[in-house]
Amino acid sequence: MRALLQRVSEARVSVDHSTVGEIGAGLLILVCAMKGDSEAEAAQLVKKIAKLRIFRDDAGKMNRSVKDIGGAVLVVSQFTLGADTRSGTRPGFSNAAPADEGERLYHCFCEKMRDTGLPAKTGRFGTDLKVSLVNDGPVTIWLDTMDQPQKTG
């Protein structure tokens, strides 16, 4: 799974001019399930995000997690994170999970995020979304479970 995190002071997602998810300080998480991903990748990504120390402490250093600051998350499905741009000028999306599997893993990711105790708002899978945010920093972090060390045993 892939995720693009943006540290925000506020974020909102709308469908047909109606807000469906909104948060104050926290993380806007754009997430994409890739072919071959499972619940294990969703769990791995959620665990990493919940503990990732990218918020300022009293000394101004990035030393606090979204949980530490009492923040929230807004999770938005973004299959275009699966884009393959290695050749030509038109991205290919064959590496992203098929829509039904992507939707299942998106909902799994959101549920696992809620299980961490973080307030988690969402967009709507497969709809034309409008996302607005106020970047804090700006801080933008790319995560891909393919890049993470795999735990054994």
C-alpha atoms as a PDB file:
ATOM      1  CA  MET A   1       0.000   0.000   0.000  1.00  0.00           C
ATOM      2  CA  ARG A   2       1.050   3.526  -0.633  1.00  0.00           C
ATOM      3  CA  ALA A   3       0.201   6.631   1.321  1.00  0.00           C
ATOM      4  CA  LEU A   4       0.980  10.288   0.981  1.00  0.00           C
ATOM      5  CA  LEU A   5       0.724  12.089   4.320  1.00  0.00           C
ATOM      6  CA  GLN A   6       0.262  15.806   4.618  1.00  0.00           C
ATOM      7  CA  ARG A   7       0.519  17.458   8.013  1.00  0.00           C
ATOM      8  CA  VAL A   8      -2.408  19.861   8.149  1.00  0.00           C
ATOM      9  CA  SER A   9      -3.927  22.463  10.411  1.00  0.00           C
ATOM     10  CA  GLU A  10      -7.247  21.602   8.751  1.00  0.00           C
ATOM     11  CA  ALA A  11      -8.559  19.514   5.862  1.00  0.00           C
ATOM     12  CA  ARG A  12     -11.908  18.781   4.261  1.00  0.00           C
ATOM     13  CA  VAL A  13     -13.239  16.493   1.550  1.00  0.00           C
ATOM     14  CA  SER A  14     -16.462  17.199  -0.335  1.00  0.00           C
ATOM     15  CA  VAL A  15     -18.708  15.378  -2.774  1.00  0.00           C
ATOM     16  CA  ASP A  16     -21.149  17.409  -4.889  1.00  0.00           C
ATOM     17  CA  HIS A  17     -20.499  20.560  -2.802  1.00  0.00           C
ATOM     18  CA  SER A  18     -21.308  18.715   0.442  1.00  0.00           C
ATOM     19  CA  THR A  19     -18.630  18.084   3.071  1.00  0.00           C
ATOM     20  CA  VAL A  20     -18.308  14.368   3.861  1.00  0.00           C
ATOM     21  CA  GLY A  21     -15.190  14.483   6.054  1.00  0.00           C
ATOM     22  CA  GLU A  22     -13.411  17.254   7.922  1.00  0.00           C
ATOM     23  CA  ILE A  23     -10.648  17.532  10.525  1.00  0.00           C
ATOM     24  CA  GLY A  24      -8.651  20.162  12.349  1.00  0.00           C
ATOM     25  CA  ALA A  25      -4.976  19.573  13.145  1.00  0.00           C
ATOM     26  CA  GLY A  26      -3.668  16.201  12.056  1.00  0.00           C
ATOM     27  CA  LEU A  27      -2.960  14.269   8.890  1.00  0.00           C
ATOM     28  CA  LEU A  28      -4.542  14.155   5.481  1.00  0.00           C
ATOM     29  CA  ILE A  29      -3.768  10.635   4.268  1.00  0.00           C
ATOM     30  CA  LEU A  30      -4.095   9.841   0.572  1.00  0.00           C
ATOM     31  CA  VAL A  31      -3.982   6.044   0.288  1.00  0.00           C
ATOM     32  CA  CYS A  32      -3.774   3.533  -2.567  1.00  0.00           C
ATOM     33  CA  ALA A  33      -3.956  -0.243  -2.456  1.00  0.00           C
ATOM     34  CA  MET A  34      -1.598  -1.898  -4.924  1.00  0.00           C
ATOM     35  CA  LYS A  35      -1.986  -5.253  -6.683  1.00  0.00           C
ATOM     36  CA  GLY A  36      -1.139  -8.046  -4.267  1.00  0.00           C
ATOM     37  CA  ASP A  37      -1.758  -5.988  -1.123  1.00  0.00           C
ATOM     38  CA  SER A  38      -3.659  -7.522   1.774  1.00  0.00           C
ATOM     39  CA  GLU A  39      -4.868  -6.608   5.240  1.00  0.00           C
ATOM     40  CA  ALA A  40      -1.281  -7.126   6.426  1.00  0.00           C
ATOM     41  CA  GLU A  41      -0.066  -4.162   4.372  1.00  0.00           C
ATOM     42  CA  ALA A  42      -2.961  -2.039   5.620  1.00  0.00           C
ATOM     43  CA  ALA A  43      -2.089  -2.912   9.236  1.00  0.00           C
ATOM     44  CA  GLN A  44       1.620  -2.240   8.654  1.00  0.00           C
ATOM     45  CA  LEU A  45       0.915   1.169   7.144  1.00  0.00           C
ATOM     46  CA  VAL A  46      -1.535   2.175   9.892  1.00  0.00           C
ATOM     47  CA  LYS A  47       0.952   1.189  12.607  1.00  0.00           C
ATOM     48  CA  LYS A  48       3.689   3.271  10.974  1.00  0.00           C
ATOM     49  CA  ILE A  49       1.467   6.324  10.445  1.00  0.00           C
ATOM     50  CA  ALA A  50       0.018   6.336  13.973  1.00  0.00           C
ATOM     51  CA  LYS A  51       3.518   6.438  15.478  1.00  0.00           C
ATOM     52  CA  LEU A  52       5.295   8.605  12.883  1.00  0.00           C
ATOM     53  CA  ARG A  53       6.850  11.583  14.664  1.00  0.00           C
ATOM     54  CA  ILE A  54       6.307  14.486  12.269  1.00  0.00           C
ATOM     55  CA  PHE A  55       4.694  17.062  14.564  1.00  0.00           C
ATOM     56  CA  ARG A  56       6.629  19.723  16.452  1.00  0.00           C
ATOM     57  CA  ASP A  57       7.480  19.383  20.126  1.00  0.00           C
ATOM     58  CA  ASP A  58       8.036  22.350  22.470  1.00  0.00           C
ATOM     59  CA  ALA A  59      11.558  22.770  21.068  1.00  0.00           C
ATOM     60  CA  GLY A  60      10.229  22.976  17.488  1.00  0.00           C
ATOM     61  CA  LYS A  61      11.626  19.576  16.479  1.00  0.00           C
ATOM     62  CA  MET A  62       9.541  16.953  14.686  1.00  0.00           C
ATOM     63  CA  ASN A  63       9.271  14.649  17.662  1.00  0.00           C
ATOM     64  CA  ARG A  64       5.543  14.037  18.215  1.00  0.00           C
ATOM     65  CA  SER A  65       3.036  11.761  16.509  1.00  0.00           C
ATOM     66  CA  VAL A  66      -0.504  12.620  15.462  1.00  0.00           C
ATOM     67  CA  LYS A  67      -1.648  10.725  18.571  1.00  0.00           C
ATOM     68  CA  ASP A  68       0.719  12.739  20.765  1.00  0.00           C
ATOM     69  CA  ILE A  69      -0.831  16.032  19.634  1.00  0.00           C
ATOM     70  CA  GLY A  70      -4.418  14.787  19.975  1.00  0.00           C
ATOM     71  CA  GLY A  71      -4.868  15.155  16.222  1.00  0.00           C
ATOM     72  CA  ALA A  72      -7.167  13.449  13.759  1.00  0.00           C
ATOM     73  CA  VAL A  73      -6.790  11.864  10.341  1.00  0.00           C
ATOM     74  CA  LEU A  74      -8.712  12.332   7.110  1.00  0.00           C
ATOM     75  CA  VAL A  75      -8.301   9.282   4.870  1.00  0.00           C
ATOM     76  CA  VAL A  76      -8.941   9.708   1.156  1.00  0.00           C
ATOM     77  CA  SER A  77      -8.692   6.929  -1.419  1.00  0.00           C
ATOM     78  CA  GLN A  78      -6.341   7.949  -4.241  1.00  0.00           C
ATOM     79  CA  PHE A  79      -5.731   5.231  -6.840  1.00  0.00           C
ATOM     80  CA  THR A  80      -3.550   7.637  -8.831  1.00  0.00           C
ATOM     81  CA  LEU A  81      -0.771   7.044  -6.268  1.00  0.00           C
ATOM     82  CA  GLY A  82      -0.388   3.755  -8.133  1.00  0.00           C
ATOM     83  CA  ALA A  83       0.544   5.573 -11.350  1.00  0.00           C
ATOM     84  CA  ASP A  84       3.332   4.156 -13.476  1.00  0.00           C
ATOM     85  CA  THR A  85       5.034   7.011 -15.314  1.00  0.00           C
ATOM     86  CA  ARG A  86       8.192   5.220 -16.444  1.00  0.00           C
ATOM     87  CA  SER A  87       7.360   5.440 -20.122  1.00  0.00           C
ATOM     88  CA  GLY A  88       5.394   7.816 -22.274  1.00  0.00           C
ATOM     89  CA  THR A  89       3.445  10.802 -21.070  1.00  0.00           C
ATOM     90  CA  ARG A  90       0.213   9.108 -20.014  1.00  0.00           C
ATOM     91  CA  PRO A  91       0.287   7.387 -16.595  1.00  0.00           C
ATOM     92  CA  GLY A  92      -0.707   3.750 -16.389  1.00  0.00           C
ATOM     93  CA  PHE A  93      -2.634   2.428 -13.420  1.00  0.00           C
ATOM     94  CA  SER A  94      -2.324  -1.331 -13.878  1.00  0.00           C
ATOM     95  CA  ASN A  95      -0.259  -1.617 -10.666  1.00  0.00           C
ATOM     96  CA  ALA A  96      -3.106  -0.303  -8.516  1.00  0.00           C
ATOM     97  CA  ALA A  97      -5.439  -2.897  -7.033  1.00  0.00           C
ATOM     98  CA  PRO A  98      -8.660  -3.543  -8.967  1.00  0.00           C
ATOM     99  CA  ALA A  99     -11.523  -1.307  -7.779  1.00  0.00           C
ATOM    100  CA  ASP A 100     -13.325  -3.950  -5.682  1.00  0.00           C
ATOM    101  CA  GLU A 101     -10.113  -4.999  -3.917  1.00  0.00           C
ATOM    102  CA  GLY A 102      -8.998  -1.377  -3.554  1.00  0.00           C
ATOM    103  CA  GLU A 103     -12.290  -0.468  -1.913  1.00  0.00           C
ATOM    104  CA  ARG A 104     -12.111  -3.419   0.477  1.00  0.00           C
ATOM    105  CA  LEU A 105      -8.554  -2.515   1.513  1.00  0.00           C
ATOM    106  CA  TYR A 106      -9.415   1.188   1.818  1.00  0.00           C
ATOM    107  CA  HIS A 107     -12.200   0.360   4.271  1.00  0.00           C
ATOM    108  CA  CYS A 108      -9.896  -2.074   6.076  1.00  0.00           C
ATOM    109  CA  PHE A 109      -7.251   0.674   6.377  1.00  0.00           C
ATOM    110  CA  CYS A 110      -9.831   3.134   7.744  1.00  0.00           C
ATOM    111  CA  GLU A 111     -11.111   0.622  10.302  1.00  0.00           C
ATOM    112  CA  LYS A 112      -7.593  -0.218  11.471  1.00  0.00           C
ATOM    113  CA  MET A 113      -6.863   3.515  11.770  1.00  0.00           C
ATOM    114  CA  ARG A 114      -9.933   3.930  13.981  1.00  0.00           C
ATOM    115  CA  ASP A 115      -8.766   0.951  16.056  1.00  0.00           C
ATOM    116  CA  THR A 116      -5.674   3.009  17.035  1.00  0.00           C
ATOM    117  CA  GLY A 117      -7.976   5.415  18.862  1.00  0.00           C
ATOM    118  CA  LEU A 118      -7.384   8.231  16.385  1.00  0.00           C
ATOM    119  CA  PRO A 119     -10.432  10.138  15.191  1.00  0.00           C
ATOM    120  CA  ALA A 120     -10.612   9.099  11.530  1.00  0.00           C
ATOM    121  CA  LYS A 121     -12.785  10.783   8.947  1.00  0.00           C
ATOM    122  CA  THR A 122     -13.044   9.595   5.353  1.00  0.00           C
ATOM    123  CA  GLY A 123     -13.962  10.529   1.843  1.00  0.00           C
ATOM    124  CA  ARG A 124     -16.128   8.281  -0.346  1.00  0.00           C
ATOM    125  CA  PHE A 125     -14.451   5.594  -2.389  1.00  0.00           C
ATOM    126  CA  GLY A 126     -14.844   5.880  -6.154  1.00  0.00           C
ATOM    127  CA  THR A 127     -16.454   9.310  -6.235  1.00  0.00           C
ATOM    128  CA  ASP A 128     -15.277  12.630  -7.631  1.00  0.00           C
ATOM    129  CA  LEU A 129     -13.862  14.252  -4.508  1.00  0.00           C
ATOM    130  CA  LYS A 130     -12.772  17.802  -3.840  1.00  0.00           C
ATOM    131  CA  VAL A 131     -10.080  17.988  -1.167  1.00  0.00           C
ATOM    132  CA  SER A 132      -9.057  21.207   0.510  1.00  0.00           C
ATOM    133  CA  LEU A 133      -6.374  21.589   3.129  1.00  0.00           C
ATOM    134  CA  VAL A 134      -4.103  23.973   4.911  1.00  0.00           C
ATOM    135  CA  ASN A 135      -0.639  22.429   4.867  1.00  0.00           C
ATOM    136  CA  ASP A 136       1.264  22.790   8.116  1.00  0.00           C
ATOM    137  CA  GLY A 137       4.958  23.281   7.480  1.00  0.00           C
ATOM    138  CA  PRO A 138       4.467  22.155   4.777  1.00  0.00           C
ATOM    139  CA  VAL A 139       5.291  18.593   5.730  1.00  0.00           C
ATOM    140  CA  THR A 140       4.541  15.886   3.158  1.00  0.00           C
ATOM    141  CA  ILE A 141       5.707  12.286   3.643  1.00  0.00           C
ATOM    142  CA  TRP A 142       5.552   9.372   1.177  1.00  0.00           C
ATOM    143  CA  LEU A 143       5.140   5.838   2.553  1.00  0.00           C
ATOM    144  CA  ASP A 144       5.083   2.581   0.614  1.00  0.00           C
ATOM    145  CA  THR A 145       4.892  -0.806   2.317  1.00  0.00           C
ATOM    146  CA  MET A 146       7.179  -2.163  -0.410  1.00  0.00           C
ATOM    147  CA  ASP A 147       9.881   0.174   0.956  1.00  0.00           C
ATOM    148  CA  GLN A 148       9.439  -0.873   4.602  1.00  0.00           C
ATOM    149  CA  PRO A 149      11.565  -3.556   6.240  1.00  0.00           C
ATOM    150  CA  GLN A 150       9.612  -6.770   6.541  1.00  0.00           C
ATOM    151  CA  LYS A 151       9.376  -8.340   9.991  1.00  0.00           C
ATOM    152  CA  THR A 152       9.990 -12.048  10.281  1.00  0.00           C
ATOM    153  CA  GLY A 153       9.015 -14.495  12.984  1.00  0.00           C
END
